Amino acid sequence: TNISRAELLRLKGDRSFQIFIRKAKLHRIVGGYSDVHKGDALAYFNEAGLLEIAIREGSATSLLGAEIHSMLTIEFYGG
């Protein structure tokens, strides 16, 4: 995505959140692929500091229907 770590953390503050993209609903941002099981969807910040959605040992395009320019929604709760 084009969402930076700094921007997401600024918007999030102390609130919890959910990330929605096509068929996936993610509740947390992990450190990397090894933090989830094979075939699970994940959100993490890549080396460029941008939020990335992926599937461990899979294809986000095939399993989620997510492609370049797919809409992603982040809902914030509380605060």
PDB file of N, CA and C in Angstrom:
ATOM      1  N   THR A   1       0.845  -1.185   0.000  1.00  0.00           N
ATOM      2  CA  THR A   1       0.000   0.000   0.000  1.00  0.00           C
ATOM      3  C   THR A   1       0.883   1.238   0.000  1.00  0.00           C
ATOM      4  N   ASN A   2       0.265   2.379   0.007  1.00  0.00           N
ATOM      5  CA  ASN A   2       1.006   3.637   0.135  1.00  0.00           C
ATOM      6  C   ASN A   2       0.839   4.216   1.542  1.00  0.00           C
ATOM      7  N   ILE A   3       0.483   3.367   2.503  1.00  0.00           N
ATOM      8  CA  ILE A   3       0.279   3.792   3.887  1.00  0.00           C
ATOM      9  C   ILE A   3       1.575   3.575   4.663  1.00  0.00           C
ATOM     10  N   SER A   4       2.147   4.649   5.157  1.00  0.00           N
ATOM     11  CA  SER A   4       3.410   4.537   5.889  1.00  0.00           C
ATOM     12  C   SER A   4       3.163   4.167   7.344  1.00  0.00           C
ATOM     13  N   ARG A   5       4.186   3.604   7.964  1.00  0.00           N
ATOM     14  CA  ARG A   5       4.122   3.269   9.387  1.00  0.00           C
ATOM     15  C   ARG A   5       3.801   4.514  10.207  1.00  0.00           C
ATOM     16  N   ALA A   6       4.498   5.608   9.925  1.00  0.00           N
ATOM     17  CA  ALA A   6       4.302   6.851  10.685  1.00  0.00           C
ATOM     18  C   ALA A   6       2.867   7.359  10.561  1.00  0.00           C
ATOM     19  N   GLU A   7       2.322   7.327   9.360  1.00  0.00           N
ATOM     20  CA  GLU A   7       0.962   7.827   9.150  1.00  0.00           C
ATOM     21  C   GLU A   7      -0.069   6.940   9.843  1.00  0.00           C
ATOM     22  N   LEU A   8       0.090   5.626   9.742  1.00  0.00           N
ATOM     23  CA  LEU A   8      -0.863   4.720  10.389  1.00  0.00           C
ATOM     24  C   LEU A   8      -0.801   4.872  11.903  1.00  0.00           C
ATOM     25  N   LEU A   9       0.388   4.938  12.461  1.00  0.00           N
ATOM     26  CA  LEU A   9       0.512   5.093  13.913  1.00  0.00           C
ATOM     27  C   LEU A   9      -0.052   6.431  14.382  1.00  0.00           C
ATOM     28  N   ARG A  10       0.128   7.476  13.586  1.00  0.00           N
ATOM     29  CA  ARG A  10      -0.427   8.791  13.923  1.00  0.00           C
ATOM     30  C   ARG A  10      -1.949   8.732  13.948  1.00  0.00           C
ATOM     31  N   LEU A  11      -2.549   8.120  12.944  1.00  0.00           N
ATOM     32  CA  LEU A  11      -4.004   8.022  12.873  1.00  0.00           C
ATOM     33  C   LEU A  11      -4.571   7.085  13.932  1.00  0.00           C
ATOM     34  N   LYS A  12      -3.864   6.010  14.211  1.00  0.00           N
ATOM     35  CA  LYS A  12      -4.323   4.990  15.154  1.00  0.00           C
ATOM     36  C   LYS A  12      -4.329   5.496  16.583  1.00  0.00           C
ATOM     37  N   GLY A  13      -3.261   6.168  17.012  1.00  0.00           N
ATOM     38  CA  GLY A  13      -3.157   6.594  18.399  1.00  0.00           C
ATOM     39  C   GLY A  13      -3.270   5.388  19.319  1.00  0.00           C
ATOM     40  N   ASP A  14      -4.128   5.468  20.321  1.00  0.00           N
ATOM     41  CA  ASP A  14      -4.328   4.384  21.281  1.00  0.00           C
ATOM     42  C   ASP A  14      -5.482   3.463  20.895  1.00  0.00           C
ATOM     43  N   ARG A  15      -6.056   3.671  19.736  1.00  0.00           N
ATOM     44  CA  ARG A  15      -7.237   2.902  19.337  1.00  0.00           C
ATOM     45  C   ARG A  15      -6.871   1.539  18.753  1.00  0.00           C
ATOM     46  N   SER A  16      -7.804   0.610  18.844  1.00  0.00           N
ATOM     47  CA  SER A  16      -7.646  -0.668  18.154  1.00  0.00           C
ATOM     48  C   SER A  16      -8.143  -0.477  16.721  1.00  0.00           C
ATOM     49  N   PHE A  17      -7.904  -1.458  15.876  1.00  0.00           N
ATOM     50  CA  PHE A  17      -8.250  -1.298  14.467  1.00  0.00           C
ATOM     51  C   PHE A  17      -8.493  -2.660  13.818  1.00  0.00           C
ATOM     52  N   GLN A  18      -9.089  -2.618  12.642  1.00  0.00           N
ATOM     53  CA  GLN A  18      -9.209  -3.777  11.764  1.00  0.00           C
ATOM     54  C   GLN A  18      -8.900  -3.305  10.359  1.00  0.00           C
ATOM     55  N   ILE A  19      -8.209  -4.151   9.612  1.00  0.00           N
ATOM     56  CA  ILE A  19      -7.902  -3.871   8.212  1.00  0.00           C
ATOM     57  C   ILE A  19      -8.763  -4.807   7.376  1.00  0.00           C
ATOM     58  N   PHE A  20      -9.479  -4.257   6.417  1.00  0.00           N
ATOM     59  CA  PHE A  20     -10.311  -5.047   5.527  1.00  0.00           C
ATOM     60  C   PHE A  20      -9.779  -4.915   4.105  1.00  0.00           C
ATOM     61  N   ILE A  21      -9.564  -6.038   3.449  1.00  0.00           N
ATOM     62  CA  ILE A  21      -9.206  -6.035   2.030  1.00  0.00           C
ATOM     63  C   ILE A  21      -9.801  -7.278   1.391  1.00  0.00           C
ATOM     64  N   ARG A  22     -10.686  -7.060   0.485  1.00  0.00           N
ATOM     65  CA  ARG A  22     -11.400  -8.144  -0.195  1.00  0.00           C
ATOM     66  C   ARG A  22     -11.934  -9.159   0.804  1.00  0.00           C
ATOM     67  N   LYS A  23     -11.388 -10.378   0.802  1.00  0.00           N
ATOM     68  CA  LYS A  23     -11.900 -11.457   1.652  1.00  0.00           C
ATOM     69  C   LYS A  23     -11.217 -11.544   3.007  1.00  0.00           C
ATOM     70  N   ALA A  24     -10.353 -10.608   3.332  1.00  0.00           N
ATOM     71  CA  ALA A  24      -9.579 -10.697   4.583  1.00  0.00           C
ATOM     72  C   ALA A  24      -9.971  -9.604   5.564  1.00  0.00           C
ATOM     73  N   LYS A  25      -9.901  -9.967   6.849  1.00  0.00           N
ATOM     74  CA  LYS A  25     -10.064  -9.013   7.946  1.00  0.00           C
ATOM     75  C   LYS A  25      -8.887  -9.269   8.884  1.00  0.00           C
ATOM     76  N   LEU A  26      -8.017  -8.286   9.034  1.00  0.00           N
ATOM     77  CA  LEU A  26      -6.810  -8.430   9.837  1.00  0.00           C
ATOM     78  C   LEU A  26      -6.914  -7.535  11.074  1.00  0.00           C
ATOM     79  N   HIS A  27      -6.509  -8.074  12.224  1.00  0.00           N
ATOM     80  CA  HIS A  27      -6.658  -7.364  13.496  1.00  0.00           C
ATOM     81  C   HIS A  27      -5.351  -6.821  14.040  1.00  0.00           C
ATOM     82  N   ARG A  28      -4.234  -7.170  13.386  1.00  0.00           N
ATOM     83  CA  ARG A  28      -2.952  -6.718  13.910  1.00  0.00           C
ATOM     84  C   ARG A  28      -1.937  -6.632  12.779  1.00  0.00           C
ATOM     85  N   ILE A  29      -0.874  -5.926  13.063  1.00  0.00           N
ATOM     86  CA  ILE A  29       0.250  -5.834  12.139  1.00  0.00           C
ATOM     87  C   ILE A  29       1.379  -6.638  12.754  1.00  0.00           C
ATOM     88  N   VAL A  30       1.909  -7.578  11.990  1.00  0.00           N
ATOM     89  CA  VAL A  30       2.951  -8.473  12.496  1.00  0.00           C
ATOM     90  C   VAL A  30       4.326  -7.996  12.029  1.00  0.00           C
ATOM     91  N   GLY A  31       5.354  -8.599  12.608  1.00  0.00           N
ATOM     92  CA  GLY A  31       6.720  -8.239  12.254  1.00  0.00           C
ATOM     93  C   GLY A  31       7.180  -8.816  10.927  1.00  0.00           C
ATOM     94  N   GLY A  32       6.557  -9.912  10.496  1.00  0.00           N
ATOM     95  CA  GLY A  32       6.947 -10.532   9.236  1.00  0.00           C
ATOM     96  C   GLY A  32       6.219 -11.845   9.023  1.00  0.00           C
ATOM     97  N   TYR A  33       6.558 -12.501   7.945  1.00  0.00           N
ATOM     98  CA  TYR A  33       5.892 -13.741   7.533  1.00  0.00           C
ATOM     99  C   TYR A  33       5.951 -14.832   8.600  1.00  0.00           C
ATOM    100  N   SER A  34       7.038 -14.919   9.326  1.00  0.00           N
ATOM    101  CA  SER A  34       7.198 -15.992  10.308  1.00  0.00           C
ATOM    102  C   SER A  34       6.249 -15.849  11.499  1.00  0.00           C
ATOM    103  N   ASP A  35       5.559 -14.733  11.610  1.00  0.00           N
ATOM    104  CA  ASP A  35       4.642 -14.509  12.725  1.00  0.00           C
ATOM    105  C   ASP A  35       3.258 -15.117  12.507  1.00  0.00           C
ATOM    106  N   VAL A  36       3.015 -15.683  11.327  1.00  0.00           N
ATOM    107  CA  VAL A  36       1.722 -16.311  11.033  1.00  0.00           C
ATOM    108  C   VAL A  36       1.950 -17.705  10.457  1.00  0.00           C
ATOM    109  N   HIS A  37       0.897 -18.500  10.439  1.00  0.00           N
ATOM    110  CA  HIS A  37       0.974 -19.851   9.898  1.00  0.00           C
ATOM    111  C   HIS A  37       0.906 -19.833   8.377  1.00  0.00           C
ATOM    112  N   LYS A  38       1.424 -20.872   7.769  1.00  0.00           N
ATOM    113  CA  LYS A  38       1.383 -21.035   6.317  1.00  0.00           C
ATOM    114  C   LYS A  38      -0.060 -20.884   5.833  1.00  0.00           C
ATOM    115  N   GLY A  39      -0.240 -20.063   4.822  1.00  0.00           N
ATOM    116  CA  GLY A  39      -1.555 -19.843   4.238  1.00  0.00           C
ATOM    117  C   GLY A  39      -2.358 -18.723   4.870  1.00  0.00           C
ATOM    118  N   ASP A  40      -1.873 -18.159   5.994  1.00  0.00           N
ATOM    119  CA  ASP A  40      -2.597 -17.076   6.664  1.00  0.00           C
ATOM    120  C   ASP A  40      -2.276 -15.723   6.033  1.00  0.00           C
ATOM    121  N   ALA A  41      -3.264 -14.840   6.039  1.00  0.00           N
ATOM    122  CA  ALA A  41      -3.060 -13.463   5.587  1.00  0.00           C
ATOM    123  C   ALA A  41      -2.349 -12.682   6.682  1.00  0.00           C
ATOM    124  N   LEU A  42      -1.565 -11.698   6.269  1.00  0.00           N
ATOM    125  CA  LEU A  42      -0.863 -10.865   7.234  1.00  0.00           C
ATOM    126  C   LEU A  42      -0.724  -9.441   6.731  1.00  0.00           C
ATOM    127  N   ALA A  43      -0.582  -8.546   7.675  1.00  0.00           N
ATOM    128  CA  ALA A  43      -0.251  -7.151   7.396  1.00  0.00           C
ATOM    129  C   ALA A  43       1.051  -6.872   8.127  1.00  0.00           C
ATOM    130  N   TYR A  44       1.990  -6.250   7.442  1.00  0.00           N
ATOM    131  CA  TYR A  44       3.264  -5.895   8.062  1.00  0.00           C
ATOM    132  C   TYR A  44       3.833  -4.689   7.338  1.00  0.00           C
ATOM    133  N   PHE A  45       4.815  -4.054   7.959  1.00  0.00           N
ATOM    134  CA  PHE A  45       5.490  -2.939   7.312  1.00  0.00           C
ATOM    135  C   PHE A  45       6.731  -3.466   6.616  1.00  0.00           C
ATOM    136  N   ASN A  46       6.824  -3.226   5.315  1.00  0.00           N
ATOM    137  CA  ASN A  46       7.960  -3.726   4.541  1.00  0.00           C
ATOM    138  C   ASN A  46       9.202  -2.853   4.766  1.00  0.00           C
ATOM    139  N   GLU A  47      10.274  -3.169   4.072  1.00  0.00           N
ATOM    140  CA  GLU A  47      11.547  -2.459   4.257  1.00  0.00           C
ATOM    141  C   GLU A  47      11.445  -0.978   3.930  1.00  0.00           C
ATOM    142  N   ALA A  48      10.483  -0.613   3.084  1.00  0.00           N
ATOM    143  CA  ALA A  48      10.283   0.796   2.740  1.00  0.00           C
ATOM    144  C   ALA A  48       9.426   1.518   3.778  1.00  0.00           C
ATOM    145  N   GLY A  49       8.958   0.775   4.807  1.00  0.00           N
ATOM    146  CA  GLY A  49       8.132   1.370   5.846  1.00  0.00           C
ATOM    147  C   GLY A  49       6.675   1.506   5.466  1.00  0.00           C
ATOM    148  N   LEU A  50       6.255   0.792   4.421  1.00  0.00           N
ATOM    149  CA  LEU A  50       4.873   0.855   3.951  1.00  0.00           C
ATOM    150  C   LEU A  50       4.108  -0.393   4.359  1.00  0.00           C
ATOM    151  N   LEU A  51       2.829  -0.229   4.639  1.00  0.00           N
ATOM    152  CA  LEU A  51       1.974  -1.349   5.004  1.00  0.00           C
ATOM    153  C   LEU A  51       1.808  -2.276   3.806  1.00  0.00           C
ATOM    154  N   GLU A  52       2.012  -3.543   4.040  1.00  0.00           N
ATOM    155  CA  GLU A  52       1.892  -4.542   2.975  1.00  0.00           C
ATOM    156  C   GLU A  52       0.960  -5.641   3.456  1.00  0.00           C
ATOM    157  N   ILE A  53       0.123  -6.126   2.542  1.00  0.00           N
ATOM    158  CA  ILE A  53      -0.784  -7.236   2.812  1.00  0.00           C
ATOM    159  C   ILE A  53      -0.285  -8.415   1.995  1.00  0.00           C
ATOM    160  N   ALA A  54      -0.173  -9.580   2.639  1.00  0.00           N
ATOM    161  CA  ALA A  54       0.389 -10.743   1.959  1.00  0.00           C
ATOM    162  C   ALA A  54      -0.223 -12.022   2.524  1.00  0.00           C
ATOM    163  N   ILE A  55       0.126 -13.130   1.912  1.00  0.00           N
ATOM    164  CA  ILE A  55      -0.226 -14.465   2.388  1.00  0.00           C
ATOM    165  C   ILE A  55       1.083 -15.210   2.581  1.00  0.00           C
ATOM    166  N   ARG A  56       1.269 -15.825   3.741  1.00  0.00           N
ATOM    167  CA  ARG A  56       2.489 -16.600   3.953  1.00  0.00           C
ATOM    168  C   ARG A  56       2.460 -17.824   3.054  1.00  0.00           C
ATOM    169  N   GLU A  57       3.494 -17.943   2.234  1.00  0.00           N
ATOM    170  CA  GLU A  57       3.662 -19.045   1.293  1.00  0.00           C
ATOM    171  C   GLU A  57       2.446 -19.209   0.394  1.00  0.00           C
ATOM    172  N   GLY A  58       1.875 -18.070  -0.026  1.00  0.00           N
ATOM    173  CA  GLY A  58       0.719 -18.093  -0.907  1.00  0.00           C
ATOM    174  C   GLY A  58       0.627 -16.808  -1.701  1.00  0.00           C
ATOM    175  N   SER A  59      -0.478 -16.644  -2.367  1.00  0.00           N
ATOM    176  CA  SER A  59      -0.694 -15.492  -3.226  1.00  0.00           C
ATOM    177  C   SER A  59      -1.901 -14.697  -2.741  1.00  0.00           C
ATOM    178  N   ALA A  60      -1.683 -13.445  -2.391  1.00  0.00           N
ATOM    179  CA  ALA A  60      -2.785 -12.580  -1.970  1.00  0.00           C
ATOM    180  C   ALA A  60      -3.767 -12.377  -3.120  1.00  0.00           C
ATOM    181  N   THR A  61      -3.257 -12.368  -4.334  1.00  0.00           N
ATOM    182  CA  THR A  61      -4.133 -12.226  -5.500  1.00  0.00           C
ATOM    183  C   THR A  61      -5.051 -13.432  -5.612  1.00  0.00           C
ATOM    184  N   SER A  62      -4.492 -14.632  -5.504  1.00  0.00           N
ATOM    185  CA  SER A  62      -5.297 -15.848  -5.645  1.00  0.00           C
ATOM    186  C   SER A  62      -6.232 -16.071  -4.470  1.00  0.00           C
ATOM    187  N   LEU A  63      -5.732 -15.924  -3.244  1.00  0.00           N
ATOM    188  CA  LEU A  63      -6.507 -16.290  -2.067  1.00  0.00           C
ATOM    189  C   LEU A  63      -7.442 -15.194  -1.570  1.00  0.00           C
ATOM    190  N   LEU A  64      -7.070 -13.938  -1.774  1.00  0.00           N
ATOM    191  CA  LEU A  64      -7.897 -12.837  -1.295  1.00  0.00           C
ATOM    192  C   LEU A  64      -8.622 -12.104  -2.412  1.00  0.00           C
ATOM    193  N   GLY A  65      -8.161 -12.292  -3.633  1.00  0.00           N
ATOM    194  CA  GLY A  65      -8.686 -11.503  -4.732  1.00  0.00           C
ATOM    195  C   GLY A  65      -8.102 -10.102  -4.739  1.00  0.00           C
ATOM    196  N   ALA A  66      -7.039  -9.885  -3.971  1.00  0.00           N
ATOM    197  CA  ALA A  66      -6.409  -8.567  -3.872  1.00  0.00           C
ATOM    198  C   ALA A  66      -5.405  -8.381  -5.003  1.00  0.00           C
ATOM    199  N   GLU A  67      -5.463  -7.235  -5.606  1.00  0.00           N
ATOM    200  CA  GLU A  67      -4.550  -6.891  -6.692  1.00  0.00           C
ATOM    201  C   GLU A  67      -4.048  -5.465  -6.473  1.00  0.00           C
ATOM    202  N   ILE A  68      -3.136  -5.044  -7.320  1.00  0.00           N
ATOM    203  CA  ILE A  68      -2.717  -3.645  -7.289  1.00  0.00           C
ATOM    204  C   ILE A  68      -3.963  -2.793  -7.493  1.00  0.00           C
ATOM    205  N   HIS A  69      -4.120  -1.768  -6.705  1.00  0.00           N
ATOM    206  CA  HIS A  69      -5.246  -0.833  -6.718  1.00  0.00           C
ATOM    207  C   HIS A  69      -6.505  -1.387  -6.057  1.00  0.00           C
ATOM    208  N   SER A  70      -6.432  -2.545  -5.401  1.00  0.00           N
ATOM    209  CA  SER A  70      -7.579  -3.027  -4.622  1.00  0.00           C
ATOM    210  C   SER A  70      -7.809  -2.084  -3.455  1.00  0.00           C
ATOM    211  N   MET A  71      -9.067  -1.865  -3.112  1.00  0.00           N
ATOM    212  CA  MET A  71      -9.389  -0.976  -2.000  1.00  0.00           C
ATOM    213  C   MET A  71      -9.107  -1.660  -0.670  1.00  0.00           C
ATOM    214  N   LEU A  72      -8.511  -0.922   0.216  1.00  0.00           N
ATOM    215  CA  LEU A  72      -8.214  -1.375   1.567  1.00  0.00           C
ATOM    216  C   LEU A  72      -8.883  -0.387   2.518  1.00  0.00           C
ATOM    217  N   THR A  73      -9.529  -0.910   3.558  1.00  0.00           N
ATOM    218  CA  THR A  73     -10.182  -0.058   4.545  1.00  0.00           C
ATOM    219  C   THR A  73      -9.610  -0.352   5.908  1.00  0.00           C
ATOM    220  N   ILE A  74      -9.318   0.675   6.678  1.00  0.00           N
ATOM    221  CA  ILE A  74      -8.890   0.510   8.057  1.00  0.00           C
ATOM    222  C   ILE A  74      -9.920   1.202   8.932  1.00  0.00           C
ATOM    223  N   GLU A  75     -10.512   0.426   9.840  1.00  0.00           N
ATOM    224  CA  GLU A  75     -11.479   0.985  10.781  1.00  0.00           C
ATOM    225  C   GLU A  75     -10.822   1.054  12.155  1.00  0.00           C
ATOM    226  N   PHE A  76     -10.950   2.206  12.798  1.00  0.00           N
ATOM    227  CA  PHE A  76     -10.404   2.432  14.119  1.00  0.00           C
ATOM    228  C   PHE A  76     -11.534   2.415  15.140  1.00  0.00           C
ATOM    229  N   TYR A  77     -11.265   1.852  16.325  1.00  0.00           N
ATOM    230  CA  TYR A  77     -12.275   1.717  17.367  1.00  0.00           C
ATOM    231  C   TYR A  77     -11.765   2.279  18.690  1.00  0.00           C
ATOM    232  N   GLY A  78     -12.659   2.873  19.446  1.00  0.00           N
ATOM    233  CA  GLY A  78     -12.302   3.362  20.781  1.00  0.00           C
ATOM    234  C   GLY A  78     -11.601   4.705  20.721  1.00  0.00           C
ATOM    235  N   GLY A  79     -11.044   5.078  21.864  1.00  0.00           N
ATOM    236  CA  GLY A  79     -10.264   6.291  21.963  1.00  0.00           C
ATOM    237  C   GLY A  79     -11.088   7.477  22.198  1.00  0.00           C
TER     238      GLY A  79
END
